[in-house]
């Protein structure tokens, strides 16, 4: 019992102190204890009793109050853990992973901190967590610590039946066989559009215009305006029709118009088809007399059409729409996003090296008439291709000092590129293991050799009672053993083990 201090007189305090010391003289002087009286404070020591847990031969000791912190778990619930109690040794025995149990016990001691030991595989530790019934909250914390993302919240579907069918058809390829056909068609159209965009730049497919300038000279320039009868234009028009149809249907059937507009992928879809209509309007607006304009005007027109083609390049980025169905692209995007700091550091190092070595090679080659480096900005290109170990060979140092600078530039480039690469690779491995192991994490099942409950004596019917400092155990009656073909014994219990904590 713990002492309780209360005021009630000097003599009572002295007598009480004497009794506490076994009848000896009081230690506390009356002058100090004047007006104080010590009384016995009742305190329950049952929860302070130590519990011994044997895990594959390794004995752990903890207080009973530590286990009762989580009463719904295997160790925290007396009825659940009682089947593993050995009354002869006065301990609980578990034939489980002893290394993982240190983290399990620390979960109770720290009131909910679950950390996987580095030398325990994830699947083994998850199996132990499930065996000891730590609960879903502990598994979610473990999942977050191990880098597994939580399940994405299911996006709402349109309430209208027609809208729901159209939305599932064009937005969720896994919803039905027809949705898969639509998704495959969309992918094929995207690929055809990209292929046409590349093939139309080949020299044999280009168109040229011949016109006469104001000084009576004939000029030939490239015609960037497509012809309506050209096969490439017809195929591209078909692709644009599909893109427009897909975008309009998804906009019509989407559950939230505002969320649809905010989606960056939908913005890319819209920007991919707008340049086509701008080019189409420009083509029909052209008049026959435009061919008689001056060269400067023609150059301006060609430049305008070139800008339109650059804008049309945005449709190439539609391929990133496939990332919704490709884990590889998702992993690449997450890796680049997580490695932005390392990439920025790499670019910064390259920038310093480019300025340093381009300046050095310029002054090292300044005395040579055949030098390729006419200025420091001209040497930027050489420094970049040298530090990145590409080495085109279009610009090379000719002198001895210039070659020495080039050698140092190549060595510095190798070291510069090697520094952030391990971090980027580590991020890639992290996201790769997280995405590829997500399903494995969810499918981990408890498939361990089960610990057998202890039953003292033989298979005969009897009852055994054992009382210690904090247990009063009532063991169940052992029934007849029913042995199957695998010689596995099944014992039927008439009652559940009961106990009282005193």
Protein backbone atom coordinates (compact mmCIF):
# COMPACT_ATOMS: atom_id res chain seq x y z
CA UNK A 1 0.00 0.00 0.00
CA UNK A 2 1.09 3.55 -0.65
CA UNK A 3 1.19 6.16 2.12
CA UNK A 4 -1.35 8.91 2.13
CA UNK A 5 -0.57 12.17 3.85
CA UNK A 6 -3.29 13.93 5.82
CA UNK A 7 -3.28 16.38 8.69
CA UNK A 8 -4.35 15.07 12.16
CA UNK A 9 -1.78 15.58 14.87
CA UNK A 10 1.81 15.05 15.81
CA UNK A 11 1.53 11.93 18.00
CA UNK A 12 -0.40 9.93 15.44
CA UNK A 13 2.26 10.68 12.88
CA UNK A 14 5.01 9.41 15.14
CA UNK A 15 3.16 6.18 15.95
CA UNK A 16 2.43 5.56 12.32
CA UNK A 17 6.04 6.08 11.35
CA UNK A 18 7.10 3.62 14.05
CA UNK A 19 4.78 0.93 12.73
CA UNK A 20 6.10 1.46 9.21
CA UNK A 21 9.64 0.85 10.42
CA UNK A 22 8.76 -2.38 12.23
CA UNK A 23 8.50 -0.89 15.67
CA UNK A 24 11.78 1.03 15.57
CA UNK A 25 12.14 4.65 16.41
CA UNK A 26 10.46 6.99 13.96
CA UNK A 27 12.77 8.35 11.33
CA UNK A 28 10.81 11.49 10.66
CA UNK A 29 11.23 14.08 13.39
CA UNK A 30 8.09 15.37 15.13
CA UNK A 31 8.91 18.88 14.09
CA UNK A 32 8.64 17.93 10.43
CA UNK A 33 5.62 15.64 10.77
CA UNK A 34 3.70 17.98 12.98
CA UNK A 35 0.09 18.06 11.88
CA UNK A 36 0.52 15.09 9.48
CA UNK A 37 -0.95 11.58 9.64
CA UNK A 38 -0.04 8.63 7.35
CA UNK A 39 -2.87 6.36 6.27
CA UNK A 40 -2.84 3.26 4.12
CA UNK A 41 -4.04 3.84 0.55
CA UNK A 42 -5.59 0.82 -1.11
CA UNK A 43 -3.92 0.05 -4.42
CA UNK A 44 -4.62 -2.84 -6.81
CA UNK A 45 -1.36 -4.61 -7.55
CA UNK A 46 -2.95 -7.26 -9.73
CA UNK A 47 -2.23 -5.36 -12.93
CA UNK A 48 1.39 -4.86 -11.86
CA UNK A 49 2.02 -8.61 -11.83
CA UNK A 50 4.52 -9.80 -14.40
CA UNK A 51 3.47 -12.08 -17.24
CA UNK A 52 5.94 -14.46 -18.85
CA UNK A 53 5.57 -15.07 -22.58
CA UNK A 54 7.69 -17.76 -24.20
CA UNK A 55 8.07 -17.33 -27.96
CA UNK A 56 9.94 -20.25 -29.53
CA UNK A 57 12.19 -20.59 -26.49
CA UNK A 58 12.81 -16.89 -25.89
CA UNK A 59 11.14 -15.68 -22.69
CA UNK A 60 9.67 -12.19 -22.50
CA UNK A 61 8.37 -10.57 -19.33
CA UNK A 62 5.96 -7.68 -19.13
CA UNK A 63 3.33 -6.32 -16.80
CA UNK A 64 -0.26 -7.42 -17.03
CA UNK A 65 -1.36 -3.80 -17.32
CA UNK A 66 0.75 -3.53 -20.49
CA UNK A 67 -1.22 -6.26 -22.24
CA UNK A 68 -4.58 -4.89 -21.13
CA UNK A 69 -3.86 -1.68 -23.06
CA UNK A 70 -5.38 -3.36 -26.12
CA UNK A 71 -8.03 -5.66 -24.71
CA UNK A 72 -9.35 -6.80 -28.09
CA UNK A 73 -6.07 -8.37 -29.19
CA UNK A 74 -4.87 -11.92 -28.62
CA UNK A 75 -2.53 -11.01 -25.77
CA UNK A 76 -4.80 -8.35 -24.32
CA UNK A 77 -7.89 -10.54 -24.12
CA UNK A 78 -7.65 -13.08 -21.25
CA UNK A 79 -9.99 -15.58 -22.89
CA UNK A 80 -8.04 -15.53 -26.15
CA UNK A 81 -4.59 -15.91 -24.65
CA UNK A 82 -5.60 -18.51 -22.03
CA UNK A 83 -5.49 -21.36 -24.53
CA UNK A 84 -1.74 -20.80 -24.85
CA UNK A 85 -1.05 -20.88 -21.08
CA UNK A 86 1.23 -23.58 -19.67
CA UNK A 87 0.38 -24.05 -15.95
CA UNK A 88 3.44 -26.22 -15.29
CA UNK A 89 5.81 -23.45 -16.34
CA UNK A 90 3.44 -20.63 -15.43
CA UNK A 91 3.94 -18.96 -18.80
CA UNK A 92 2.33 -18.47 -22.19
CA UNK A 93 3.94 -20.32 -25.06
CA UNK A 94 3.76 -19.32 -28.74
CA UNK A 95 5.53 -21.20 -31.50
CA UNK A 96 5.96 -18.04 -33.55
CA UNK A 97 8.68 -15.75 -34.91
CA UNK A 98 10.66 -14.53 -31.90
CA UNK A 99 12.26 -11.57 -33.72
CA UNK A 100 8.90 -10.23 -34.82
CA UNK A 101 7.50 -10.59 -31.31
CA UNK A 102 9.84 -7.90 -30.02
CA UNK A 103 8.00 -5.41 -32.23
CA UNK A 104 4.65 -6.90 -31.22
CA UNK A 105 5.43 -6.47 -27.53
CA UNK A 106 6.70 -2.95 -28.14
CA UNK A 107 3.32 -2.21 -29.71
CA UNK A 108 1.74 -2.79 -26.29
CA UNK A 109 4.48 -1.01 -24.36
CA UNK A 110 4.38 2.11 -26.55
CA UNK A 111 0.57 2.27 -26.73
CA UNK A 112 0.31 1.67 -30.45
CA UNK A 113 3.68 2.18 -32.15
CA UNK A 114 4.20 -0.63 -34.63
CA UNK A 115 7.58 -0.84 -36.36
CA UNK A 116 8.73 -3.78 -38.44
CA UNK A 117 12.25 -5.04 -37.63
CA UNK A 118 14.61 -4.68 -40.55
CA UNK A 119 15.55 -8.37 -40.56
CA UNK A 120 11.94 -9.60 -40.68
CA UNK A 121 10.31 -9.89 -44.13
CA UNK A 122 7.16 -7.91 -44.66
CA UNK A 123 4.94 -10.91 -45.33
CA UNK A 124 6.16 -12.64 -42.16
CA UNK A 125 5.56 -9.56 -40.04
CA UNK A 126 2.09 -9.00 -41.49
CA UNK A 127 1.31 -12.62 -40.72
CA UNK A 128 2.38 -12.10 -37.10
CA UNK A 129 0.31 -8.93 -36.80
CA UNK A 130 -2.74 -10.81 -38.01
CA UNK A 131 -2.04 -13.76 -35.72
CA UNK A 132 -1.85 -11.57 -32.62
CA UNK A 133 -5.01 -9.79 -33.79
CA UNK A 134 -3.66 -6.27 -33.47
CA UNK A 135 -6.52 -5.06 -35.62
CA UNK A 136 -7.11 -3.13 -38.81
CA UNK A 137 -5.79 0.13 -37.36
CA UNK A 138 -2.39 -1.45 -36.74
CA UNK A 139 -2.34 -2.90 -40.25
CA UNK A 140 -3.17 0.49 -41.73
CA UNK A 141 -0.34 2.11 -39.76
CA UNK A 142 2.03 -0.61 -40.89
CA UNK A 143 0.89 -0.15 -44.47
CA UNK A 144 1.55 3.57 -44.29
CA UNK A 145 4.99 3.08 -42.73
CA UNK A 146 5.94 0.56 -45.38
CA UNK A 147 4.94 2.97 -48.14
CA UNK A 148 1.77 1.26 -49.24
CA UNK A 149 -0.78 3.84 -50.29
CA UNK A 150 -4.26 3.60 -48.95
CA UNK A 151 -7.02 2.49 -51.24
CA UNK A 152 -8.34 5.24 -53.39
CA UNK A 153 -11.79 6.39 -52.56
CA UNK A 154 -14.37 5.24 -55.04
CA UNK A 155 -15.39 8.08 -57.28
CA UNK A 156 -19.12 8.77 -57.41
CA UNK A 157 -21.10 7.60 -60.41
CA UNK A 158 -23.82 9.57 -62.18
CA UNK A 159 -27.31 9.11 -60.79
CA UNK A 160 -29.01 9.02 -64.17
CA UNK A 161 -29.04 5.45 -65.56
CA UNK A 162 -28.14 6.57 -69.09
CA UNK A 163 -25.35 8.80 -67.84
CA UNK A 164 -24.04 6.00 -65.64
CA UNK A 165 -23.88 3.57 -68.56
CA UNK A 166 -22.09 6.07 -70.79
CA UNK A 167 -19.68 7.06 -68.02
CA UNK A 168 -18.78 3.46 -67.28
CA UNK A 169 -18.45 2.76 -70.98
CA UNK A 170 -15.91 5.53 -71.67
CA UNK A 171 -14.24 6.02 -68.28
CA UNK A 172 -13.99 2.55 -66.70
CA UNK A 173 -12.64 -0.04 -69.16
CA UNK A 174 -12.84 -2.79 -66.55
CA UNK A 175 -16.59 -2.37 -66.05
CA UNK A 176 -17.71 -4.42 -69.05
CA UNK A 177 -16.62 -6.06 -72.27
CA UNK A 178 -18.00 -3.17 -74.32
CA UNK A 179 -15.98 -0.72 -72.21
CA UNK A 180 -12.82 -2.69 -73.00
CA UNK A 181 -13.60 -2.47 -76.70
CA UNK A 182 -14.05 1.30 -76.41
CA UNK A 183 -10.76 1.61 -74.52
CA UNK A 184 -8.88 -0.43 -77.12
CA UNK A 185 -10.43 1.64 -79.90
CA UNK A 186 -9.36 4.84 -78.17
CA UNK A 187 -5.80 3.56 -77.83
CA UNK A 188 -5.66 2.59 -81.50
CA UNK A 189 -6.97 5.99 -82.59
CA UNK A 190 -4.36 7.74 -80.44
CA UNK A 191 -1.58 5.64 -81.97
CA UNK A 192 -2.85 6.27 -85.51
CA UNK A 193 -3.00 10.00 -84.86
CA UNK A 194 0.58 10.04 -83.59
CA UNK A 195 1.83 7.95 -86.52
CA UNK A 196 0.13 10.25 -89.03
CA UNK A 197 1.56 13.28 -87.28
CA UNK A 198 5.06 11.82 -87.73
CA UNK A 199 4.66 10.54 -91.30
CA UNK A 200 3.34 13.80 -92.70
CA UNK A 201 6.73 15.41 -92.02
CA UNK A 202 8.54 13.06 -94.43
CA UNK A 203 9.92 14.86 -97.55
CA UNK A 204 7.95 12.70 -99.99
CA UNK A 205 4.69 13.73 -98.35
CA UNK A 206 5.32 17.46 -98.19
CA UNK A 207 3.63 20.03 -100.45
CA UNK A 208 5.26 23.08 -102.02
CA UNK A 209 3.89 26.28 -103.51
CA UNK A 210 5.33 28.19 -106.46
CA UNK A 211 4.64 31.91 -106.69
CA UNK A 212 6.11 35.04 -108.25
CA UNK A 213 7.51 37.82 -106.12
CA UNK A 214 7.24 41.54 -106.78
CA UNK A 215 10.63 41.56 -108.54
CA UNK A 216 9.39 38.98 -111.07
CA UNK A 217 11.26 36.09 -109.47
CA UNK A 218 9.85 32.64 -108.90
CA UNK A 219 10.03 31.26 -105.38
CA UNK A 220 9.19 27.85 -103.99
CA UNK A 221 8.25 27.47 -100.33
CA UNK A 222 6.82 24.65 -98.28
CA UNK A 223 3.04 24.65 -98.02
CA UNK A 224 2.03 24.00 -94.43
CA UNK A 225 -1.67 24.22 -95.20
CA UNK A 226 -3.07 20.68 -95.52
CA UNK A 227 -5.15 19.64 -98.48
CA UNK A 228 -8.64 18.32 -97.87
CA UNK A 229 -8.08 15.53 -100.39
CA UNK A 230 -4.86 14.31 -98.85
CA UNK A 231 -5.16 10.85 -97.21
CA UNK A 232 -3.35 12.03 -94.09
CA UNK A 233 -5.82 14.85 -93.62
CA UNK A 234 -8.75 12.45 -94.03
CA UNK A 235 -7.33 10.02 -91.46
CA UNK A 236 -6.55 12.84 -89.07
CA UNK A 237 -10.09 14.15 -89.47
CA UNK A 238 -11.43 10.74 -88.55
CA UNK A 239 -9.24 10.70 -85.43
CA UNK A 240 -10.42 14.18 -84.45
CA UNK A 241 -14.04 13.09 -84.87
CA UNK A 242 -13.43 10.21 -82.46
CA UNK A 243 -11.65 12.48 -79.98
CA UNK A 244 -14.50 14.99 -80.09
CA UNK A 245 -17.13 12.29 -79.73
CA UNK A 246 -15.33 10.75 -76.77
CA UNK A 247 -14.79 14.11 -75.06
CA UNK A 248 -18.38 15.26 -75.55
CA UNK A 249 -19.87 11.99 -74.31
CA UNK A 250 -17.69 12.01 -71.22
CA UNK A 251 -18.58 15.66 -70.58
CA UNK A 252 -22.26 14.87 -71.02
CA UNK A 253 -22.22 11.83 -68.71
CA UNK A 254 -19.75 12.96 -66.04
CA UNK A 255 -21.12 13.16 -62.47
CA UNK A 256 -19.57 16.60 -61.86
CA UNK A 257 -18.96 19.09 -64.66
CA UNK A 258 -16.66 21.19 -62.49
CA UNK A 259 -14.47 18.24 -61.54
CA UNK A 260 -14.38 17.18 -65.18
CA UNK A 261 -13.12 20.59 -66.29
CA UNK A 262 -10.49 20.68 -63.54
CA UNK A 263 -9.03 17.35 -64.61
CA UNK A 264 -5.71 17.99 -66.36
CA UNK A 265 -6.17 15.02 -68.68
CA UNK A 266 -9.45 16.42 -69.97
CA UNK A 267 -7.73 19.76 -70.56
CA UNK A 268 -5.09 17.99 -72.64
CA UNK A 269 -7.83 16.24 -74.62
CA UNK A 270 -9.44 19.58 -75.37
CA UNK A 271 -6.19 21.29 -76.34
CA UNK A 272 -5.33 18.39 -78.63
CA UNK A 273 -8.32 18.98 -80.91
CA UNK A 274 -8.50 22.79 -80.87
CA UNK A 275 -5.49 23.32 -83.21
CA UNK A 276 -7.13 21.12 -85.83
CA UNK A 277 -10.15 23.40 -86.05
CA UNK A 278 -7.92 26.49 -86.10
CA UNK A 279 -5.97 25.02 -89.01
CA UNK A 280 -9.20 24.04 -90.72
CA UNK A 281 -10.54 27.56 -90.40
CA UNK A 282 -7.30 29.02 -91.75
CA UNK A 283 -7.38 26.66 -94.70
CA UNK A 284 -10.92 27.62 -95.75
CA UNK A 285 -10.21 31.30 -95.19
CA UNK A 286 -7.38 31.32 -97.70
CA UNK A 287 -8.13 32.94 -100.98
CA UNK A 288 -6.71 32.38 -104.39
CA UNK A 289 -4.93 35.70 -104.54
CA UNK A 290 -2.85 34.81 -101.45
CA UNK A 291 -0.35 33.10 -103.74
CA UNK A 292 0.54 36.47 -105.27
CA UNK A 293 1.64 38.09 -102.04
CA UNK A 294 5.20 39.02 -101.23
CA UNK A 295 7.72 36.59 -99.86
CA UNK A 296 7.79 38.27 -96.46
CA UNK A 297 4.06 37.75 -96.13
CA UNK A 298 4.46 34.15 -97.19
CA UNK A 299 7.17 33.63 -94.62
CA UNK A 300 4.94 35.11 -91.94
CA UNK A 301 2.15 32.81 -93.00
CA UNK A 302 4.47 29.81 -92.94
CA UNK A 303 5.64 30.79 -89.49
CA UNK A 304 2.06 31.06 -88.30
CA UNK A 305 1.27 27.61 -89.59
CA UNK A 306 4.43 26.28 -87.98
CA UNK A 307 3.22 27.68 -84.67
CA UNK A 308 -0.09 25.92 -85.24
CA UNK A 309 1.74 22.68 -85.81
CA UNK A 310 3.61 23.15 -82.56
CA UNK A 311 0.28 23.68 -80.83
CA UNK A 312 -1.07 20.56 -82.48
CA UNK A 313 1.83 18.69 -80.95
CA UNK A 314 -0.14 18.80 -77.71
CA UNK A 315 -2.27 15.93 -78.98
CA UNK A 316 0.79 13.71 -78.71
CA UNK A 317 0.52 14.07 -74.94
CA UNK A 318 -2.78 12.21 -75.10
CA UNK A 319 -0.68 9.11 -74.74
CA UNK A 320 -0.29 10.02 -71.07
CA UNK A 321 -3.98 9.31 -70.74
CA UNK A 322 -2.97 5.68 -70.89
CA UNK A 323 -1.31 6.10 -67.50
CA UNK A 324 -4.72 5.49 -65.94
CA UNK A 325 -4.40 1.89 -67.07
CA UNK A 326 -0.61 1.50 -66.94
CA UNK A 327 1.17 1.03 -63.63
CA UNK A 328 4.50 1.53 -65.37
CA UNK A 329 3.69 5.10 -66.39
CA UNK A 330 2.27 5.78 -62.94
CA UNK A 331 5.49 4.58 -61.32
CA UNK A 332 7.56 6.72 -63.69
CA UNK A 333 5.50 9.81 -62.93
CA UNK A 334 5.68 9.27 -59.17
CA UNK A 335 9.43 8.67 -59.39
CA UNK A 336 10.06 11.90 -61.28
CA UNK A 337 7.82 13.81 -58.89
CA UNK A 338 9.61 12.42 -55.85
CA UNK A 339 13.02 13.07 -57.43
CA UNK A 340 12.47 16.71 -58.38
CA UNK A 341 14.98 17.88 -55.79
CA UNK A 342 17.64 15.47 -57.05
CA UNK A 343 16.94 16.39 -60.68
CA UNK A 344 17.19 20.08 -59.84
CA UNK A 345 20.47 19.40 -58.06
CA UNK A 346 21.74 17.51 -61.12
CA UNK A 347 20.84 20.37 -63.45
CA UNK A 348 22.50 22.84 -61.09
CA UNK A 349 25.73 20.81 -61.06
CA UNK A 350 25.64 20.50 -64.86
CA UNK A 351 25.11 24.25 -65.20
CA UNK A 352 28.15 24.96 -63.06
CA UNK A 353 30.25 22.47 -65.02
CA UNK A 354 29.09 23.81 -68.39
CA UNK A 355 30.02 27.38 -67.51
CA UNK A 356 33.33 26.34 -65.98
CA UNK A 357 34.57 24.03 -68.74
CA UNK A 358 33.21 26.04 -71.66
CA UNK A 359 35.14 29.05 -70.39
CA UNK A 360 38.25 26.94 -69.85
CA UNK A 361 38.18 25.33 -73.30
CA UNK A 362 37.53 28.67 -74.99
CA UNK A 363 40.63 30.26 -73.51
CA UNK A 364 42.65 27.05 -74.00
CA UNK A 365 41.82 27.07 -77.73
CA UNK A 366 41.90 30.84 -78.20
CA UNK A 367 45.34 30.83 -79.89
CA UNK A 368 44.37 28.33 -82.61
CA UNK A 369 43.02 29.55 -85.94
CA UNK A 370 41.17 26.28 -86.53
CA UNK A 371 39.44 26.37 -83.18
CA UNK A 372 35.78 25.35 -83.13
CA UNK A 373 35.11 27.53 -80.12
CA UNK A 374 34.51 31.06 -81.38
CA UNK A 375 32.93 32.18 -78.11
CA UNK A 376 32.03 30.85 -74.70
CA UNK A 377 28.33 30.38 -75.61
CA UNK A 378 29.48 28.31 -78.61
CA UNK A 379 31.34 26.06 -76.18
CA UNK A 380 28.20 25.43 -74.09
CA UNK A 381 27.06 22.73 -76.49
CA UNK A 382 30.43 20.98 -76.36
CA UNK A 383 30.46 21.09 -72.55
CA UNK A 384 26.95 19.61 -72.32
CA UNK A 385 27.58 16.69 -74.70
CA UNK A 386 30.95 16.01 -73.04
CA UNK A 387 29.67 16.05 -69.45
CA UNK A 388 26.74 13.81 -70.39
CA UNK A 389 29.23 11.42 -72.08
CA UNK A 390 27.43 11.72 -75.43
CA UNK A 391 30.35 13.14 -77.43
CA UNK A 392 28.95 13.95 -80.87
CA UNK A 393 32.38 15.00 -82.16
CA UNK A 394 31.11 18.01 -84.08
CA UNK A 395 33.21 20.29 -81.84
CA UNK A 396 36.53 19.03 -80.49
CA UNK A 397 39.55 20.69 -78.87
CA UNK A 398 42.68 20.62 -81.01
CA UNK A 399 45.44 21.82 -78.69
CA UNK A 400 47.07 20.02 -75.77
CA UNK A 401 45.55 22.31 -73.15
CA UNK A 402 42.15 22.03 -74.78
CA UNK A 403 42.33 18.22 -74.67
CA UNK A 404 43.29 18.33 -71.00
CA UNK A 405 40.26 20.51 -70.31
CA UNK A 406 38.12 18.07 -72.28
CA UNK A 407 39.41 15.13 -70.24
CA UNK A 408 38.62 16.88 -66.96
CA UNK A 409 35.19 17.82 -68.32
CA UNK A 410 34.37 14.18 -69.13
CA UNK A 411 35.53 12.95 -65.71
CA UNK A 412 33.57 15.68 -63.92
CA UNK A 413 30.50 14.81 -65.97
CA UNK A 414 30.65 11.14 -64.96
CA UNK A 415 30.93 12.07 -61.28
CA UNK A 416 28.16 14.67 -61.54
CA UNK A 417 25.72 12.27 -63.18
CA UNK A 418 26.54 9.48 -60.73
CA UNK A 419 25.74 11.46 -57.58
CA UNK A 420 21.91 11.74 -57.77
CA UNK A 421 21.32 8.53 -59.72
CA UNK A 422 21.22 6.20 -56.65
CA UNK A 423 18.57 8.39 -55.03
CA UNK A 424 16.43 8.35 -58.17
CA UNK A 425 16.83 4.58 -58.50
CA UNK A 426 15.92 4.19 -54.83
CA UNK A 427 12.74 6.20 -55.38
CA UNK A 428 11.88 4.08 -58.39
CA UNK A 429 12.38 0.86 -56.44
CA UNK A 430 10.28 2.25 -53.60
CA UNK A 431 7.32 3.10 -55.81
CA UNK A 432 7.73 -0.06 -57.86
CA UNK A 433 7.67 -2.29 -54.78
CA UNK A 434 4.78 -0.30 -53.36
CA UNK A 435 2.61 -0.58 -56.47
CA UNK A 436 3.50 -4.15 -57.32
CA UNK A 437 3.28 -5.29 -53.70
CA UNK A 438 -0.05 -3.63 -52.93
CA UNK A 439 -2.07 -6.65 -53.97
CA UNK A 440 0.37 -8.99 -52.22
CA UNK A 441 -0.04 -7.01 -48.99
CA UNK A 442 -3.81 -7.34 -49.14
CA UNK A 443 -3.65 -11.06 -49.94
CA UNK A 444 -1.30 -12.08 -47.11
CA UNK A 445 -3.01 -14.78 -45.06
CA UNK A 446 -2.07 -16.36 -41.77
CA UNK A 447 -0.50 -19.62 -42.91
CA UNK A 448 1.73 -20.47 -39.96
CA UNK A 449 2.04 -23.57 -37.85
CA UNK A 450 -0.55 -23.06 -35.13
CA UNK A 451 0.42 -23.22 -31.48
CA UNK A 452 -1.37 -26.08 -29.74
CA UNK A 453 -3.31 -25.27 -26.56
CA UNK A 454 -1.86 -26.87 -23.45
CA UNK A 455 -3.87 -29.53 -21.69
CA UNK A 456 -2.24 -31.08 -18.64
CA UNK A 457 -2.32 -34.82 -18.11
CA UNK A 458 -3.54 -37.40 -20.56
CA UNK A 459 -6.62 -37.57 -22.72
CA UNK A 460 -8.73 -38.90 -19.83
CA UNK A 461 -11.53 -36.80 -18.43
CA UNK A 462 -10.43 -34.64 -15.52
CA UNK A 463 -10.44 -31.14 -14.19
CA UNK A 464 -7.35 -29.32 -13.01
CA UNK A 465 -7.24 -26.21 -10.95
CA UNK A 466 -4.19 -24.15 -10.39
CA UNK A 467 -3.96 -20.97 -8.35
CA UNK A 468 -1.01 -18.58 -8.33
CA UNK A 469 -0.49 -14.98 -7.23
CA UNK A 470 -2.79 -13.49 -9.83
CA UNK A 471 -4.61 -16.33 -11.58
CA UNK A 472 -7.36 -18.73 -10.58
CA UNK A 473 -7.58 -21.08 -13.54
CA UNK A 474 -10.44 -23.44 -14.31
CA UNK A 475 -9.42 -25.77 -17.09
CA UNK A 476 -11.94 -27.34 -19.39
CA UNK A 477 -12.81 -30.98 -19.46
CA UNK A 478 -10.90 -32.80 -22.10
CA UNK A 479 -13.19 -34.82 -24.32
CA UNK A 480 -12.52 -37.88 -26.32
CA UNK A 481 -9.77 -37.48 -28.88
CA UNK A 482 -10.93 -37.86 -32.41
CA UNK A 483 -8.00 -38.77 -34.63
CA UNK A 484 -8.31 -38.29 -38.37
CA UNK A 485 -6.31 -39.78 -41.20
CA UNK A 486 -3.46 -37.35 -40.60
CA UNK A 487 -3.27 -38.37 -36.91
CA UNK A 488 -4.28 -34.90 -35.85
CA UNK A 489 -6.07 -34.76 -32.51
CA UNK A 490 -9.14 -32.62 -32.04
CA UNK A 491 -10.18 -32.00 -28.44
CA UNK A 492 -13.71 -30.88 -27.69
CA UNK A 493 -14.01 -28.64 -24.68
CA UNK A 494 -17.14 -28.56 -22.55
CA UNK A 495 -16.38 -25.12 -21.30
CA UNK A 496 -14.06 -22.24 -22.02
CA UNK A 497 -11.13 -21.68 -19.70
CA UNK A 498 -12.04 -19.17 -17.07
CA UNK A 499 -9.96 -17.21 -14.63
CA UNK A 500 -10.20 -14.51 -12.04
CA UNK A 501 -7.66 -11.77 -11.56
CA UNK A 502 -7.20 -11.07 -7.92
